[in-house]
Each structure stands twice: as C-alpha cells, then as structure tokens.
Amino acid sequence: MQPMQPGPGPMMMPQQPAMMAPPVFAPQPMQALPQATGVAVQIEVETPSGKATAFLHYGPEWASSSAAMKQLIGALQMAGFPVKAWTPKGQRGGGW
C-alpha cells in the first residue's frame, strides 16, 4: 500500500448564496378568503353638538357579493339614512 501523497485535493465548488428568508412582516399568501361575519355601514348624523358617526352592522348574507352590499346601501339611502360615502376632493384625490 502506498502512502497518501499531499496534493491539490478535491476541487472545491463555490458555494451558492444562501436563500434569504422573507421578512417576518411579509403577508402570507391566502388560500381562500376568510368568511365574513357581517357588513358595517357607516352613517353620519348631524346633531346639535356637531356630526356624529355610527356604524350599522348587518349579517354575513349582505357580504355574499358586491351586488348584495350595493342593495343594502341603496335600501338604507332610500330609507333616509345618511350613508357616508367617499368622494374625491380636488385633483389630489382622497378625503371623506
């Protein structure tokens, strides 16, 4: 048996950079939308001391589709409830 001779040894391959883990605060992909527990519609009522905001809460059946939500909001408006809606303010947009 021959003694082992020092030599170049096995060829070393450069290591691949480690995969970076996503930040902890990154949202996780959703498999399905969570079940809605209801719909809250914001109304704004003028009182002697100023405007008061209230939320009327309705069951999850009103969250089943956008058509159902529009129907609920339309019915509240027809009944005279002052439903608060977002409207753009000027060219900068935004605002309530």
PDB file of N, CA and C in Angstrom:
ATOM      1  N   MET A   1       0.832  -1.173   0.000  1.00  0.00           N
ATOM      2  CA  MET A   1       0.000   0.000   0.000  1.00  0.00           C
ATOM      3  C   MET A   1       0.882   1.243   0.000  1.00  0.00           C
ATOM      4  N   GLN A   2       0.531   2.186  -0.852  1.00  0.00           N
ATOM      5  CA  GLN A   2       1.342   3.390  -0.932  1.00  0.00           C
ATOM      6  C   GLN A   2       0.824   4.440   0.039  1.00  0.00           C
ATOM      7  N   PRO A   3       1.738   5.211   0.608  1.00  0.00           N
ATOM      8  CA  PRO A   3       1.279   6.290   1.485  1.00  0.00           C
ATOM      9  C   PRO A   3       0.587   7.382   0.661  1.00  0.00           C
ATOM     10  N   MET A   4      -0.334   8.033   1.285  1.00  0.00           N
ATOM     11  CA  MET A   4      -1.068   9.097   0.596  1.00  0.00           C
ATOM     12  C   MET A   4      -0.156  10.285   0.409  1.00  0.00           C
ATOM     13  N   GLN A   5      -0.166  10.819  -0.763  1.00  0.00           N
ATOM     14  CA  GLN A   5       0.639  11.979  -1.090  1.00  0.00           C
ATOM     15  C   GLN A   5      -0.209  13.242  -0.966  1.00  0.00           C
ATOM     16  N   PRO A   6       0.350  14.298  -0.367  1.00  0.00           N
ATOM     17  CA  PRO A   6      -0.402  15.553  -0.360  1.00  0.00           C
ATOM     18  C   PRO A   6      -0.554  16.034  -1.796  1.00  0.00           C
ATOM     19  N   GLY A   7      -1.652  16.554  -2.107  1.00  0.00           N
ATOM     20  CA  GLY A   7      -1.906  17.028  -3.453  1.00  0.00           C
ATOM     21  C   GLY A   7      -2.963  18.118  -3.447  1.00  0.00           C
ATOM     22  N   PRO A   8      -3.430  18.432  -4.633  1.00  0.00           N
ATOM     23  CA  PRO A   8      -4.391  19.523  -4.709  1.00  0.00           C
ATOM     24  C   PRO A   8      -5.699  19.199  -4.012  1.00  0.00           C
ATOM     25  N   GLY A   9      -5.978  17.938  -3.794  1.00  0.00           N
ATOM     26  CA  GLY A   9      -7.217  17.565  -3.103  1.00  0.00           C
ATOM     27  C   GLY A   9      -8.424  17.730  -4.004  1.00  0.00           C
ATOM     28  N   PRO A  10      -9.599  17.468  -3.461  1.00  0.00           N
ATOM     29  CA  PRO A  10     -10.800  17.592  -4.286  1.00  0.00           C
ATOM     30  C   PRO A  10     -11.044  19.046  -4.658  1.00  0.00           C
ATOM     31  N   MET A  11     -11.575  19.251  -5.834  1.00  0.00           N
ATOM     32  CA  MET A  11     -11.846  20.611  -6.282  1.00  0.00           C
ATOM     33  C   MET A  11     -13.038  21.166  -5.503  1.00  0.00           C
ATOM     34  N   MET A  12     -12.892  22.344  -4.952  1.00  0.00           N
ATOM     35  CA  MET A  12     -13.960  22.972  -4.173  1.00  0.00           C
ATOM     36  C   MET A  12     -14.828  23.817  -5.112  1.00  0.00           C
ATOM     37  N   MET A  13     -16.102  23.611  -5.040  1.00  0.00           N
ATOM     38  CA  MET A  13     -17.048  24.391  -5.834  1.00  0.00           C
ATOM     39  C   MET A  13     -17.452  25.613  -5.023  1.00  0.00           C
ATOM     40  N   PRO A  14     -17.624  26.762  -5.697  1.00  0.00           N
ATOM     41  CA  PRO A  14     -18.078  27.941  -4.941  1.00  0.00           C
ATOM     42  C   PRO A  14     -19.467  27.681  -4.361  1.00  0.00           C
ATOM     43  N   GLN A  15     -19.661  28.151  -3.158  1.00  0.00           N
ATOM     44  CA  GLN A  15     -20.955  27.931  -2.503  1.00  0.00           C
ATOM     45  C   GLN A  15     -22.009  28.860  -3.092  1.00  0.00           C
ATOM     46  N   GLN A  16     -23.222  28.343  -3.179  1.00  0.00           N
ATOM     47  CA  GLN A  16     -24.348  29.148  -3.634  1.00  0.00           C
ATOM     48  C   GLN A  16     -24.722  30.102  -2.502  1.00  0.00           C
ATOM     49  N   PRO A  17     -25.107  31.346  -2.852  1.00  0.00           N
ATOM     50  CA  PRO A  17     -25.556  32.241  -1.777  1.00  0.00           C
ATOM     51  C   PRO A  17     -26.790  31.657  -1.096  1.00  0.00           C
ATOM     52  N   ALA A  18     -26.831  31.814   0.198  1.00  0.00           N
ATOM     53  CA  ALA A  18     -27.967  31.287   0.964  1.00  0.00           C
ATOM     54  C   ALA A  18     -29.243  32.019   0.545  1.00  0.00           C
ATOM     55  N   MET A  19     -30.343  31.285   0.444  1.00  0.00           N
ATOM     56  CA  MET A  19     -31.634  31.896   0.127  1.00  0.00           C
ATOM     57  C   MET A  19     -32.053  32.745   1.313  1.00  0.00           C
ATOM     58  N   MET A  20     -32.435  33.967   1.024  1.00  0.00           N
ATOM     59  CA  MET A  20     -32.867  34.846   2.107  1.00  0.00           C
ATOM     60  C   MET A  20     -34.310  34.530   2.450  1.00  0.00           C
ATOM     61  N   ALA A  21     -34.577  34.427   3.708  1.00  0.00           N
ATOM     62  CA  ALA A  21     -35.947  34.192   4.171  1.00  0.00           C
ATOM     63  C   ALA A  21     -36.739  35.480   3.999  1.00  0.00           C
ATOM     64  N   PRO A  22     -38.036  35.384   3.670  1.00  0.00           N
ATOM     65  CA  PRO A  22     -38.831  36.609   3.554  1.00  0.00           C
ATOM     66  C   PRO A  22     -38.917  37.297   4.909  1.00  0.00           C
ATOM     67  N   PRO A  23     -39.068  38.625   4.914  1.00  0.00           N
ATOM     68  CA  PRO A  23     -39.200  39.332   6.187  1.00  0.00           C
ATOM     69  C   PRO A  23     -40.381  38.795   6.989  1.00  0.00           C
ATOM     70  N   VAL A  24     -40.291  38.900   8.276  1.00  0.00           N
ATOM     71  CA  VAL A  24     -41.334  38.387   9.160  1.00  0.00           C
ATOM     72  C   VAL A  24     -42.670  39.079   8.891  1.00  0.00           C
ATOM     73  N   PHE A  25     -42.620  40.344   8.515  1.00  0.00           N
ATOM     74  CA  PHE A  25     -43.842  41.105   8.335  1.00  0.00           C
ATOM     75  C   PHE A  25     -44.483  40.886   6.963  1.00  0.00           C
ATOM     76  N   ALA A  26     -43.869  40.090   6.102  1.00  0.00           N
ATOM     77  CA  ALA A  26     -44.434  39.848   4.775  1.00  0.00           C
ATOM     78  C   ALA A  26     -45.755  39.089   4.913  1.00  0.00           C
ATOM     79  N   PRO A  27     -46.789  39.519   4.188  1.00  0.00           N
ATOM     80  CA  PRO A  27     -48.060  38.806   4.275  1.00  0.00           C
ATOM     81  C   PRO A  27     -47.935  37.414   3.674  1.00  0.00           C
ATOM     82  N   GLN A  28     -48.591  36.479   4.294  1.00  0.00           N
ATOM     83  CA  GLN A  28     -48.593  35.113   3.803  1.00  0.00           C
ATOM     84  C   GLN A  28     -49.674  34.980   2.728  1.00  0.00           C
ATOM     85  N   PRO A  29     -49.422  34.204   1.699  1.00  0.00           N
ATOM     86  CA  PRO A  29     -50.457  34.051   0.671  1.00  0.00           C
ATOM     87  C   PRO A  29     -51.699  33.387   1.260  1.00  0.00           C
ATOM     88  N   MET A  30     -52.864  33.912   0.875  1.00  0.00           N
ATOM     89  CA  MET A  30     -54.118  33.358   1.387  1.00  0.00           C
ATOM     90  C   MET A  30     -54.573  32.226   0.483  1.00  0.00           C
ATOM     91  N   GLN A  31     -55.033  31.172   1.080  1.00  0.00           N
ATOM     92  CA  GLN A  31     -55.579  30.052   0.326  1.00  0.00           C
ATOM     93  C   GLN A  31     -56.993  30.388  -0.138  1.00  0.00           C
ATOM     94  N   ALA A  32     -57.769  30.998   0.726  1.00  0.00           N
ATOM     95  CA  ALA A  32     -59.142  31.389   0.410  1.00  0.00           C
ATOM     96  C   ALA A  32     -59.495  32.589   1.275  1.00  0.00           C
ATOM     97  N   LEU A  33     -60.462  33.344   0.850  1.00  0.00           N
ATOM     98  CA  LEU A  33     -60.885  34.492   1.646  1.00  0.00           C
ATOM     99  C   LEU A  33     -61.532  34.014   2.935  1.00  0.00           C
ATOM    100  N   PRO A  34     -61.256  34.708   4.037  1.00  0.00           N
ATOM    101  CA  PRO A  34     -61.920  34.320   5.281  1.00  0.00           C
ATOM    102  C   PRO A  34     -63.419  34.625   5.194  1.00  0.00           C
ATOM    103  N   GLN A  35     -64.187  33.896   5.949  1.00  0.00           N
ATOM    104  CA  GLN A  35     -65.637  34.072   5.964  1.00  0.00           C
ATOM    105  C   GLN A  35     -65.985  35.398   6.626  1.00  0.00           C
ATOM    106  N   ALA A  36     -66.778  36.207   5.955  1.00  0.00           N
ATOM    107  CA  ALA A  36     -67.203  37.490   6.517  1.00  0.00           C
ATOM    108  C   ALA A  36     -68.198  37.242   7.649  1.00  0.00           C
ATOM    109  N   THR A  37     -68.071  38.024   8.711  1.00  0.00           N
ATOM    110  CA  THR A  37     -69.004  37.895   9.830  1.00  0.00           C
ATOM    111  C   THR A  37     -70.134  38.907   9.741  1.00  0.00           C
ATOM    112  N   GLY A  38     -70.042  39.830   8.790  1.00  0.00           N
ATOM    113  CA  GLY A  38     -71.091  40.818   8.620  1.00  0.00           C
ATOM    114  C   GLY A  38     -70.605  42.007   7.829  1.00  0.00           C
ATOM    115  N   VAL A  39     -71.471  42.977   7.693  1.00  0.00           N
ATOM    116  CA  VAL A  39     -71.168  44.206   6.972  1.00  0.00           C
ATOM    117  C   VAL A  39     -71.508  45.370   7.891  1.00  0.00           C
ATOM    118  N   ALA A  40     -70.593  46.328   7.997  1.00  0.00           N
ATOM    119  CA  ALA A  40     -70.847  47.542   8.757  1.00  0.00           C
ATOM    120  C   ALA A  40     -70.958  48.701   7.777  1.00  0.00           C
ATOM    121  N   VAL A  41     -72.040  49.446   7.870  1.00  0.00           N
ATOM    122  CA  VAL A  41     -72.262  50.598   7.000  1.00  0.00           C
ATOM    123  C   VAL A  41     -72.156  51.842   7.874  1.00  0.00           C
ATOM    124  N   GLN A  42     -71.306  52.765   7.452  1.00  0.00           N
ATOM    125  CA  GLN A  42     -71.083  53.990   8.218  1.00  0.00           C
ATOM    126  C   GLN A  42     -72.116  55.038   7.838  1.00  0.00           C
ATOM    127  N   ILE A  43     -72.718  55.644   8.858  1.00  0.00           N
ATOM    128  CA  ILE A  43     -73.636  56.758   8.632  1.00  0.00           C
ATOM    129  C   ILE A  43     -73.123  57.951   9.422  1.00  0.00           C
ATOM    130  N   GLU A  44     -73.502  59.120   8.969  1.00  0.00           N
ATOM    131  CA  GLU A  44     -73.083  60.337   9.658  1.00  0.00           C
ATOM    132  C   GLU A  44     -74.328  61.183   9.900  1.00  0.00           C
ATOM    133  N   VAL A  45     -74.578  61.515  11.153  1.00  0.00           N
ATOM    134  CA  VAL A  45     -75.790  62.227  11.542  1.00  0.00           C
ATOM    135  C   VAL A  45     -75.404  63.568  12.149  1.00  0.00           C
ATOM    136  N   GLU A  46     -76.100  64.594  11.726  1.00  0.00           N
ATOM    137  CA  GLU A  46     -75.885  65.929  12.279  1.00  0.00           C
ATOM    138  C   GLU A  46     -76.629  66.031  13.611  1.00  0.00           C
ATOM    139  N   THR A  47     -75.922  66.448  14.652  1.00  0.00           N
ATOM    140  CA  THR A  47     -76.523  66.622  15.977  1.00  0.00           C
ATOM    141  C   THR A  47     -76.331  68.072  16.406  1.00  0.00           C
ATOM    142  N   PRO A  48     -77.005  68.519  17.472  1.00  0.00           N
ATOM    143  CA  PRO A  48     -76.804  69.894  17.939  1.00  0.00           C
ATOM    144  C   PRO A  48     -75.336  70.205  18.282  1.00  0.00           C
ATOM    145  N   SER A  49     -74.585  69.185  18.668  1.00  0.00           N
ATOM    146  CA  SER A  49     -73.188  69.430  19.032  1.00  0.00           C
ATOM    147  C   SER A  49     -72.212  69.115  17.892  1.00  0.00           C
ATOM    148  N   GLY A  50     -72.716  68.800  16.707  1.00  0.00           N
ATOM    149  CA  GLY A  50     -71.848  68.504  15.564  1.00  0.00           C
ATOM    150  C   GLY A  50     -72.223  67.177  14.923  1.00  0.00           C
ATOM    151  N   LYS A  51     -71.357  66.723  14.041  1.00  0.00           N
ATOM    152  CA  LYS A  51     -71.620  65.463  13.341  1.00  0.00           C
ATOM    153  C   LYS A  51     -71.254  64.275  14.214  1.00  0.00           C
ATOM    154  N   ALA A  52     -72.102  63.258  14.157  1.00  0.00           N
ATOM    155  CA  ALA A  52     -71.843  62.010  14.875  1.00  0.00           C
ATOM    156  C   ALA A  52     -71.789  60.888  13.851  1.00  0.00           C
ATOM    157  N   THR A  53     -70.836  59.997  14.018  1.00  0.00           N
ATOM    158  CA  THR A  53     -70.685  58.862  13.118  1.00  0.00           C
ATOM    159  C   THR A  53     -71.126  57.604  13.839  1.00  0.00           C
ATOM    160  N   ALA A  54     -71.868  56.755  13.135  1.00  0.00           N
ATOM    161  CA  ALA A  54     -72.310  55.478  13.695  1.00  0.00           C
ATOM    162  C   ALA A  54     -72.132  54.404  12.623  1.00  0.00           C
ATOM    163  N   PHE A  55     -72.002  53.184  13.074  1.00  0.00           N
ATOM    164  CA  PHE A  55     -71.889  52.048  12.167  1.00  0.00           C
ATOM    165  C   PHE A  55     -73.075  51.127  12.395  1.00  0.00           C
ATOM    166  N   LEU A  56     -73.808  50.831  11.341  1.00  0.00           N
ATOM    167  CA  LEU A  56     -74.916  49.889  11.418  1.00  0.00           C
ATOM    168  C   LEU A  56     -74.372  48.542  10.953  1.00  0.00           C
ATOM    169  N   HIS A  57     -74.567  47.508  11.760  1.00  0.00           N
ATOM    170  CA  HIS A  57     -73.994  46.193  11.448  1.00  0.00           C
ATOM    171  C   HIS A  57     -75.082  45.244  10.984  1.00  0.00           C
ATOM    172  N   TYR A  58     -74.809  44.570   9.849  1.00  0.00           N
ATOM    173  CA  TYR A  58     -75.756  43.621   9.271  1.00  0.00           C
ATOM    174  C   TYR A  58     -75.079  42.274   9.111  1.00  0.00           C
ATOM    175  N   GLY A  59     -75.847  41.227   8.957  1.00  0.00           N
ATOM    176  CA  GLY A  59     -75.351  39.856   8.906  1.00  0.00           C
ATOM    177  C   GLY A  59     -74.490  39.539   7.686  1.00  0.00           C
ATOM    178  N   PRO A  60     -73.845  38.361   7.712  1.00  0.00           N
ATOM    179  CA  PRO A  60     -72.915  37.974   6.657  1.00  0.00           C
ATOM    180  C   PRO A  60     -73.568  37.764   5.291  1.00  0.00           C
ATOM    181  N   GLU A  61     -74.873  37.568   5.252  1.00  0.00           N
ATOM    182  CA  GLU A  61     -75.528  37.385   3.953  1.00  0.00           C
ATOM    183  C   GLU A  61     -75.385  38.619   3.061  1.00  0.00           C
ATOM    184  N   TRP A  62     -75.209  39.798   3.689  1.00  0.00           N
ATOM    185  CA  TRP A  62     -75.042  41.033   2.928  1.00  0.00           C
ATOM    186  C   TRP A  62     -73.628  41.172   2.376  1.00  0.00           C
ATOM    187  N   ALA A  63     -72.718  40.319   2.819  1.00  0.00           N
ATOM    188  CA  ALA A  63     -71.339  40.339   2.322  1.00  0.00           C
ATOM    189  C   ALA A  63     -71.110  39.264   1.270  1.00  0.00           C
ATOM    190  N   SER A  64     -72.159  38.584   0.842  1.00  0.00           N
ATOM    191  CA  SER A  64     -72.006  37.470  -0.095  1.00  0.00           C
ATOM    192  C   SER A  64     -71.588  37.923  -1.490  1.00  0.00           C
ATOM    193  N   SER A  65     -71.878  39.170  -1.846  1.00  0.00           N
ATOM    194  CA  SER A  65     -71.479  39.685  -3.161  1.00  0.00           C
ATOM    195  C   SER A  65     -71.519  41.208  -3.136  1.00  0.00           C
ATOM    196  N   SER A  66     -70.880  41.806  -4.122  1.00  0.00           N
ATOM    197  CA  SER A  66     -70.923  43.268  -4.188  1.00  0.00           C
ATOM    198  C   SER A  66     -72.342  43.745  -4.503  1.00  0.00           C
ATOM    199  N   ALA A  67     -73.099  42.946  -5.253  1.00  0.00           N
ATOM    200  CA  ALA A  67     -74.490  43.312  -5.548  1.00  0.00           C
ATOM    201  C   ALA A  67     -75.328  43.353  -4.269  1.00  0.00           C
ATOM    202  N   ALA A  68     -75.092  42.393  -3.362  1.00  0.00           N
ATOM    203  CA  ALA A  68     -75.825  42.377  -2.092  1.00  0.00           C
ATOM    204  C   ALA A  68     -75.474  43.608  -1.256  1.00  0.00           C
ATOM    205  N   MET A  69     -74.195  43.976  -1.231  1.00  0.00           N
ATOM    206  CA  MET A  69     -73.791  45.169  -0.466  1.00  0.00           C
ATOM    207  C   MET A  69     -74.406  46.433  -1.055  1.00  0.00           C
ATOM    208  N   LYS A  70     -74.394  46.525  -2.395  1.00  0.00           N
ATOM    209  CA  LYS A  70     -75.000  47.694  -3.045  1.00  0.00           C
ATOM    210  C   LYS A  70     -76.497  47.759  -2.754  1.00  0.00           C
ATOM    211  N   GLN A  71     -77.150  46.603  -2.721  1.00  0.00           N
ATOM    212  CA  GLN A  71     -78.581  46.553  -2.421  1.00  0.00           C
ATOM    213  C   GLN A  71     -78.840  47.065  -0.999  1.00  0.00           C
ATOM    214  N   LEU A  72     -78.026  46.630  -0.052  1.00  0.00           N
ATOM    215  CA  LEU A  72     -78.166  47.069   1.337  1.00  0.00           C
ATOM    216  C   LEU A  72     -77.967  48.576   1.448  1.00  0.00           C
ATOM    217  N   ILE A  73     -76.896  49.082   0.837  1.00  0.00           N
ATOM    218  CA  ILE A  73     -76.600  50.517   0.922  1.00  0.00           C
ATOM    219  C   ILE A  73     -77.710  51.323   0.244  1.00  0.00           C
ATOM    220  N   GLY A  74     -78.179  50.845  -0.911  1.00  0.00           N
ATOM    221  CA  GLY A  74     -79.271  51.535  -1.600  1.00  0.00           C
ATOM    222  C   GLY A  74     -80.546  51.568  -0.769  1.00  0.00           C
ATOM    223  N   ALA A  75     -80.856  50.458  -0.101  1.00  0.00           N
ATOM    224  CA  ALA A  75     -82.056  50.398   0.743  1.00  0.00           C
ATOM    225  C   ALA A  75     -81.937  51.371   1.922  1.00  0.00           C
ATOM    226  N   LEU A  76     -80.740  51.459   2.507  1.00  0.00           N
ATOM    227  CA  LEU A  76     -80.540  52.409   3.613  1.00  0.00           C
ATOM    228  C   LEU A  76     -80.707  53.848   3.127  1.00  0.00           C
ATOM    229  N   GLN A  77     -80.159  54.159   1.964  1.00  0.00           N
ATOM    230  CA  GLN A  77     -80.296  55.508   1.420  1.00  0.00           C
ATOM    231  C   GLN A  77     -81.757  55.828   1.107  1.00  0.00           C
ATOM    232  N   MET A  78     -82.473  54.863   0.534  1.00  0.00           N
ATOM    233  CA  MET A  78     -83.895  55.074   0.220  1.00  0.00           C
ATOM    234  C   MET A  78     -84.713  55.280   1.487  1.00  0.00           C
ATOM    235  N   ALA A  79     -84.278  54.665   2.599  1.00  0.00           N
ATOM    236  CA  ALA A  79     -84.982  54.819   3.872  1.00  0.00           C
ATOM    237  C   ALA A  79     -84.606  56.123   4.571  1.00  0.00           C
ATOM    238  N   GLY A  80     -83.697  56.880   3.976  1.00  0.00           N
ATOM    239  CA  GLY A  80     -83.345  58.183   4.542  1.00  0.00           C
ATOM    240  C   GLY A  80     -82.120  58.189   5.438  1.00  0.00           C
ATOM    241  N   PHE A  81     -81.426  57.064   5.546  1.00  0.00           N
ATOM    242  CA  PHE A  81     -80.213  57.038   6.361  1.00  0.00           C
ATOM    243  C   PHE A  81     -79.088  57.786   5.628  1.00  0.00           C
ATOM    244  N   PRO A  82     -78.387  58.655   6.338  1.00  0.00           N
ATOM    245  CA  PRO A  82     -77.293  59.412   5.708  1.00  0.00           C
ATOM    246  C   PRO A  82     -76.016  58.566   5.621  1.00  0.00           C
ATOM    247  N   VAL A  83     -75.970  57.675   4.625  1.00  0.00           N
ATOM    248  CA  VAL A  83     -74.821  56.785   4.447  1.00  0.00           C
ATOM    249  C   VAL A  83     -73.622  57.636   4.050  1.00  0.00           C
ATOM    250  N   LYS A  84     -72.531  57.430   4.754  1.00  0.00           N
ATOM    251  CA  LYS A  84     -71.319  58.195   4.471  1.00  0.00           C
ATOM    252  C   LYS A  84     -70.576  57.512   3.325  1.00  0.00           C
ATOM    253  N   ALA A  85     -70.236  58.289   2.302  1.00  0.00           N
ATOM    254  CA  ALA A  85     -69.548  57.745   1.136  1.00  0.00           C
ATOM    255  C   ALA A  85     -68.301  58.569   0.855  1.00  0.00           C
ATOM    256  N   TRP A  86     -67.291  57.911   0.340  1.00  0.00           N
ATOM    257  CA  TRP A  86     -66.049  58.581  -0.018  1.00  0.00           C
ATOM    258  C   TRP A  86     -66.239  59.337  -1.316  1.00  0.00           C
ATOM    259  N   THR A  87     -65.769  60.570  -1.352  1.00  0.00           N
ATOM    260  CA  THR A  87     -65.782  61.348  -2.587  1.00  0.00           C
ATOM    261  C   THR A  87     -64.425  62.015  -2.739  1.00  0.00           C
ATOM    262  N   PRO A  88     -63.882  62.035  -3.945  1.00  0.00           N
ATOM    263  CA  PRO A  88     -62.581  62.675  -4.135  1.00  0.00           C
ATOM    264  C   PRO A  88     -62.672  64.166  -3.898  1.00  0.00           C
ATOM    265  N   LYS A  89     -61.613  64.733  -3.358  1.00  0.00           N
ATOM    266  CA  LYS A  89     -61.578  66.171  -3.084  1.00  0.00           C
ATOM    267  C   LYS A  89     -60.498  66.808  -3.944  1.00  0.00           C
ATOM    268  N   GLY A  90     -60.905  67.476  -4.992  1.00  0.00           N
ATOM    269  CA  GLY A  90     -59.946  68.159  -5.855  1.00  0.00           C
ATOM    270  C   GLY A  90     -59.098  67.199  -6.665  1.00  0.00           C
ATOM    271  N   GLN A  91     -58.010  67.717  -7.188  1.00  0.00           N
ATOM    272  CA  GLN A  91     -57.142  66.922  -8.042  1.00  0.00           C
ATOM    273  C   GLN A  91     -56.252  65.979  -7.267  1.00  0.00           C
ATOM    274  N   ARG A  92     -56.041  66.224  -5.991  1.00  0.00           N
ATOM    275  CA  ARG A  92     -55.172  65.363  -5.191  1.00  0.00           C
ATOM    276  C   ARG A  92     -55.859  64.073  -4.760  1.00  0.00           C
ATOM    277  N   GLY A  93     -57.173  64.007  -4.918  1.00  0.00           N
ATOM    278  CA  GLY A  93     -57.904  62.797  -4.525  1.00  0.00           C
ATOM    279  C   GLY A  93     -57.994  62.671  -3.023  1.00  0.00           C
ATOM    280  N   GLY A  94     -58.518  61.558  -2.567  1.00  0.00           N
ATOM    281  CA  GLY A  94     -58.627  61.280  -1.140  1.00  0.00           C
ATOM    282  C   GLY A  94     -59.720  62.086  -0.479  1.00  0.00           C
ATOM    283  N   GLY A  95     -59.932  61.809   0.770  1.00  0.00           N
ATOM    284  CA  GLY A  95     -60.869  62.577   1.565  1.00  0.00           C
ATOM    285  C   GLY A  95     -62.183  61.879   1.818  1.00  0.00           C
ATOM    286  N   TRP A  96     -62.799  62.252   2.890  1.00  0.00           N
ATOM    287  CA  TRP A  96     -64.118  61.731   3.250  1.00  0.00           C
ATOM    288  C   TRP A  96     -65.078  62.873   3.241  1.00  0.00           C
TER     289      TRP A  96
END
